[in-house]
Amino acid sequence: MDKKYNTYNKFLKDKFGVKVHKLIIDAGFSCPNRDGTISTDGCIFCDEVGSFGSTHSNLLSIKDQILEGIEILPKRFKAEKYIAYFQAFSNTYKPASELEKIYNEAFVDDRIVGISIGTRPDCIDEEKVEIISKLKFPQIELGLQSIHNDTLKLINRGHDFDCFLRAYEMIKSAGINVCVHTIFGLPNENRDMMLQTIEKLVELKIDGIISIC
C-alpha cells in the first residue's frame, strides 16, 4: 500500500539520487531554557545532554565528529551522502557573528550535501536566518511539541505558539525548509488536541513533521 505521506528518507533519495543519512553533531551549544535566561530546569522531556543521541560529545571537534560519522555510517546504514545535523540543545543560541564559522566547519567533505539545524523558535532572528539561508541545502528543525499554550506552559517550554509562528514565517520567507518536532501524549492532552496540532501544521504547509509518541 502506498503511504499517504512522503518520508524524509525518500525525499532525500529523490533529491540526491542515493541514500542520505543524518550525521549528528554536538557543537557545544547551550539553551536559554537551561542557562537561566528563561529557566534552569529545561523542558520536562529534555535530558541533561540536550536530547543528543550519539556516543561522542563536543569533546571532539566538529570536523572530527563528521569524519568519524562518515567512517561509521556507511557500514551501518549503507549511506553515501550526509546531512550534517546540529542536534544537541539550541543550535542557533550564539551571536550571529559566531554561527557562520560553526556551521561551515561541517562542510569538510564533499559527501556532506546539506545542513539541518535543531533549535527553538525564540532563538531565531533575521540575521541568523540570513546566515543559514546561504548554506548548502539548509534546513531548520524547530521544536514546538504542541500548539496549545497551556501545554507549553506545563512542560516548561518557555515560549508560546505565537513565538513559533513568528519564527516559522521568518524562516519560510528566507526559502529555508522547516521541520517541526511535536510530541503526542503530553500531560493533559487528549486525542483531539493532538490532532489539532497536526492539522494546524498541515494548514501552515510545514515541510516536515517529526512526532514522538
Protein backbone atom coordinates (compact mmCIF):
# COMPACT_ATOMS: atom_id res chain seq x y z
CA MET A 1 0.00 0.00 0.00
CA ASP A 2 1.26 3.46 -0.90
CA LYS A 3 1.98 5.70 2.06
CA LYS A 4 -0.22 8.79 2.48
CA TYR A 5 2.86 10.82 3.32
CA ASN A 6 6.36 11.33 1.96
CA THR A 7 9.11 10.02 4.24
CA TYR A 8 12.23 12.07 4.82
CA ASN A 9 14.41 9.20 3.56
CA LYS A 10 12.51 9.07 0.26
CA PHE A 11 12.59 12.85 -0.08
CA LEU A 12 16.39 12.86 0.27
CA LYS A 13 16.92 9.91 -2.05
CA ASP A 14 14.72 11.52 -4.70
CA LYS A 15 16.71 14.76 -4.40
CA PHE A 16 20.25 13.35 -4.31
CA GLY A 17 19.83 10.01 -6.08
CA VAL A 18 21.48 7.95 -3.31
CA LYS A 19 20.83 7.05 0.30
CA VAL A 20 21.41 10.10 2.51
CA HIS A 21 21.72 9.88 6.27
CA LYS A 22 21.78 12.47 9.03
CA LEU A 23 25.14 12.77 10.73
CA ILE A 24 24.57 14.02 14.27
CA ILE A 25 26.78 16.78 15.67
CA ASP A 26 27.20 18.27 19.13
CA ALA A 27 28.69 21.74 18.61
CA GLY A 28 28.69 22.75 22.26
CA PHE A 29 25.60 24.95 22.22
CA SER A 30 23.51 25.67 25.30
CA CYS A 31 19.86 26.67 25.67
CA PRO A 32 18.08 29.71 27.17
CA ASN A 33 15.83 27.27 28.98
CA ARG A 34 18.88 25.75 30.68
CA ASP A 35 21.33 28.57 31.32
CA GLY A 36 18.98 30.76 33.37
CA THR A 37 17.93 33.18 30.62
CA ILE A 38 14.44 31.68 30.74
CA SER A 39 14.88 28.84 33.22
CA THR A 40 17.45 26.42 34.59
CA ASP A 41 15.08 23.45 34.58
CA GLY A 42 14.71 22.91 30.84
CA CYS A 43 11.69 21.36 29.17
CA ILE A 44 10.32 18.38 31.10
CA PHE A 45 11.19 15.96 28.27
CA CYS A 46 14.79 17.08 27.68
CA ASP A 47 17.69 15.19 29.26
CA GLU A 48 21.00 16.55 30.52
CA VAL A 49 22.68 16.21 27.13
CA GLY A 50 20.01 18.17 25.29
CA SER A 51 18.39 15.17 23.57
CA PHE A 52 21.69 14.34 21.93
CA GLY A 53 21.53 10.83 20.53
CA SER A 54 25.15 9.93 19.84
CA THR A 55 28.05 8.27 21.59
CA HIS A 56 30.59 11.04 21.14
CA SER A 57 30.40 14.54 22.58
CA ASN A 58 31.61 18.03 21.87
CA LEU A 59 34.99 16.96 23.23
CA LEU A 60 35.55 16.13 19.56
CA SER A 61 35.79 18.97 17.05
CA ILE A 62 33.01 19.34 14.50
CA LYS A 63 35.44 18.15 11.81
CA ASP A 64 36.34 15.03 13.80
CA GLN A 65 32.69 14.25 14.52
CA ILE A 66 31.95 14.50 10.80
CA LEU A 67 34.88 12.30 9.78
CA GLU A 68 34.05 9.73 12.46
CA GLY A 69 30.45 9.60 11.26
CA ILE A 70 31.46 9.19 7.63
CA GLU A 71 33.62 6.24 8.70
CA ILE A 72 30.83 4.53 10.66
CA LEU A 73 27.54 5.29 8.88
CA PRO A 74 28.20 3.57 5.52
CA LYS A 75 28.73 0.29 7.36
CA ARG A 76 25.58 0.62 9.48
CA PHE A 77 23.15 2.32 7.09
CA LYS A 78 24.66 2.00 3.60
CA ALA A 79 24.69 5.79 3.36
CA GLU A 80 26.57 7.50 0.55
CA LYS A 81 25.90 11.16 1.37
CA TYR A 82 25.10 13.02 4.57
CA ILE A 83 23.19 15.87 6.15
CA ALA A 84 25.18 17.50 8.97
CA TYR A 85 22.65 17.59 11.81
CA PHE A 86 23.34 20.06 14.63
CA GLN A 87 21.16 18.41 17.25
CA ALA A 88 22.18 18.94 20.88
CA PHE A 89 20.43 21.82 22.69
CA SER A 90 19.58 25.02 20.72
CA ASN A 91 21.87 25.34 17.73
CA THR A 92 21.23 29.00 16.93
CA TYR A 93 21.85 30.09 20.53
CA LYS A 94 25.03 32.07 19.95
CA PRO A 95 25.67 35.51 18.46
CA ALA A 96 25.12 35.55 14.72
CA SER A 97 28.77 36.58 14.27
CA GLU A 98 29.87 33.14 15.54
CA LEU A 99 27.32 30.95 13.77
CA GLU A 100 28.58 31.15 10.19
CA LYS A 101 32.00 29.77 11.15
CA ILE A 102 30.46 26.98 13.26
CA TYR A 103 28.11 25.81 10.53
CA ASN A 104 30.72 25.94 7.77
CA GLU A 105 33.01 23.67 9.79
CA ALA A 106 30.62 20.84 8.92
CA PHE A 107 31.38 21.02 5.20
CA VAL A 108 34.72 19.25 5.42
CA ASP A 109 33.87 16.53 2.90
CA ASP A 110 32.08 16.60 -0.46
CA ARG A 111 29.69 13.95 0.82
CA ILE A 112 28.13 16.50 3.18
CA VAL A 113 25.29 17.71 0.93
CA GLY A 114 23.35 19.84 3.39
CA ILE A 115 22.84 21.01 6.94
CA SER A 116 19.99 20.63 9.42
CA ILE A 117 19.91 22.87 12.49
CA GLY A 118 17.80 22.00 15.52
CA THR A 119 16.70 24.96 17.60
CA ARG A 120 13.93 26.81 19.44
CA PRO A 121 11.60 29.47 17.97
CA ASP A 122 12.85 32.06 20.46
CA CYS A 123 16.45 31.60 19.28
CA ILE A 124 15.71 32.76 15.74
CA ASP A 125 16.17 36.24 14.29
CA GLU A 126 16.58 37.82 10.85
CA GLU A 127 20.38 37.94 10.98
CA LYS A 128 20.68 34.26 11.90
CA VAL A 129 18.15 33.25 9.25
CA GLU A 130 20.11 35.13 6.59
CA ILE A 131 23.32 33.30 7.56
CA ILE A 132 21.59 29.91 7.41
CA SER A 133 19.90 30.68 4.08
CA LYS A 134 23.32 30.97 2.41
CA LEU A 135 24.43 27.46 3.42
CA LYS A 136 24.25 24.39 1.18
CA PHE A 137 20.73 22.84 1.28
CA PRO A 138 19.79 24.34 4.69
CA GLN A 139 17.00 23.04 6.92
CA ILE A 140 15.87 24.21 10.34
CA GLU A 141 14.24 21.84 12.80
CA LEU A 142 12.02 23.83 15.15
CA GLY A 143 10.92 22.38 18.46
CA LEU A 144 7.23 23.12 19.06
CA GLN A 145 5.75 19.99 20.72
CA SER A 146 2.18 21.39 20.83
CA ILE A 147 0.17 24.36 19.55
CA HIS A 148 -1.63 24.61 22.91
CA ASN A 149 -0.22 27.32 25.16
CA ASP A 150 -1.45 25.65 28.36
CA THR A 151 0.55 22.57 27.40
CA LEU A 152 3.63 24.61 26.51
CA LYS A 153 3.49 26.26 29.93
CA LEU A 154 3.00 22.92 31.68
CA ILE A 155 6.04 21.34 30.01
CA ASN A 156 8.12 24.44 30.82
CA ARG A 157 8.72 25.18 27.17
CA GLY A 158 9.45 28.86 27.77
CA HIS A 159 7.67 30.24 24.68
CA ASP A 160 4.14 30.31 23.29
CA PHE A 161 2.64 29.34 19.94
CA ASP A 162 2.77 32.90 18.61
CA CYS A 163 6.54 32.85 19.11
CA PHE A 164 6.70 29.73 16.95
CA LEU A 165 4.57 31.35 14.23
CA ARG A 166 6.84 34.39 14.07
CA ALA A 167 9.94 32.23 13.74
CA TYR A 168 8.32 29.97 11.14
CA GLU A 169 7.25 32.87 8.92
CA MET A 170 10.73 34.38 9.16
CA ILE A 171 12.38 31.12 8.12
CA LYS A 172 9.97 30.33 5.29
CA SER A 173 10.29 33.86 3.91
CA ALA A 174 14.01 33.14 3.51
CA GLY A 175 13.27 29.99 1.49
CA ILE A 176 14.59 27.57 4.12
CA ASN A 177 12.92 24.19 4.63
CA VAL A 178 11.35 23.78 8.07
CA CYS A 179 10.80 20.57 10.01
CA VAL A 180 8.71 20.80 13.20
CA HIS A 181 9.02 18.49 16.22
CA THR A 182 5.88 17.53 18.13
CA ILE A 183 5.11 15.14 20.99
CA PHE A 184 1.95 13.06 21.29
CA GLY A 185 0.79 12.11 24.78
CA LEU A 186 1.87 15.22 26.65
CA PRO A 187 0.20 15.76 30.07
CA ASN A 188 -3.47 16.77 29.87
CA GLU A 189 -3.66 16.48 26.10
CA ASN A 190 -6.35 14.28 24.57
CA ARG A 191 -6.59 12.86 21.05
CA ASP A 192 -8.45 15.88 19.71
CA MET A 193 -5.78 18.27 20.98
CA MET A 194 -3.01 16.21 19.38
CA LEU A 195 -4.87 16.16 16.07
CA GLN A 196 -5.39 19.93 16.30
CA THR A 197 -1.60 20.36 16.47
CA ILE A 198 -1.05 18.26 13.33
CA GLU A 199 -3.96 19.87 11.47
CA LYS A 200 -2.57 23.34 12.18
CA LEU A 201 0.90 22.36 10.95
CA VAL A 202 -0.60 20.89 7.78
CA GLU A 203 -2.54 24.13 7.29
CA LEU A 204 0.73 26.07 7.60
CA LYS A 205 2.28 23.85 4.91
CA ILE A 206 5.17 22.76 7.11
CA ASP A 207 7.80 20.92 5.04
CA GLY A 208 8.22 18.08 7.55
CA ILE A 209 6.84 16.91 10.88
CA ILE A 210 8.59 14.63 13.37
CA SER A 211 6.25 13.31 16.04
CA ILE A 212 7.24 11.33 19.12
CA CYS A 213 4.53 9.26 20.76
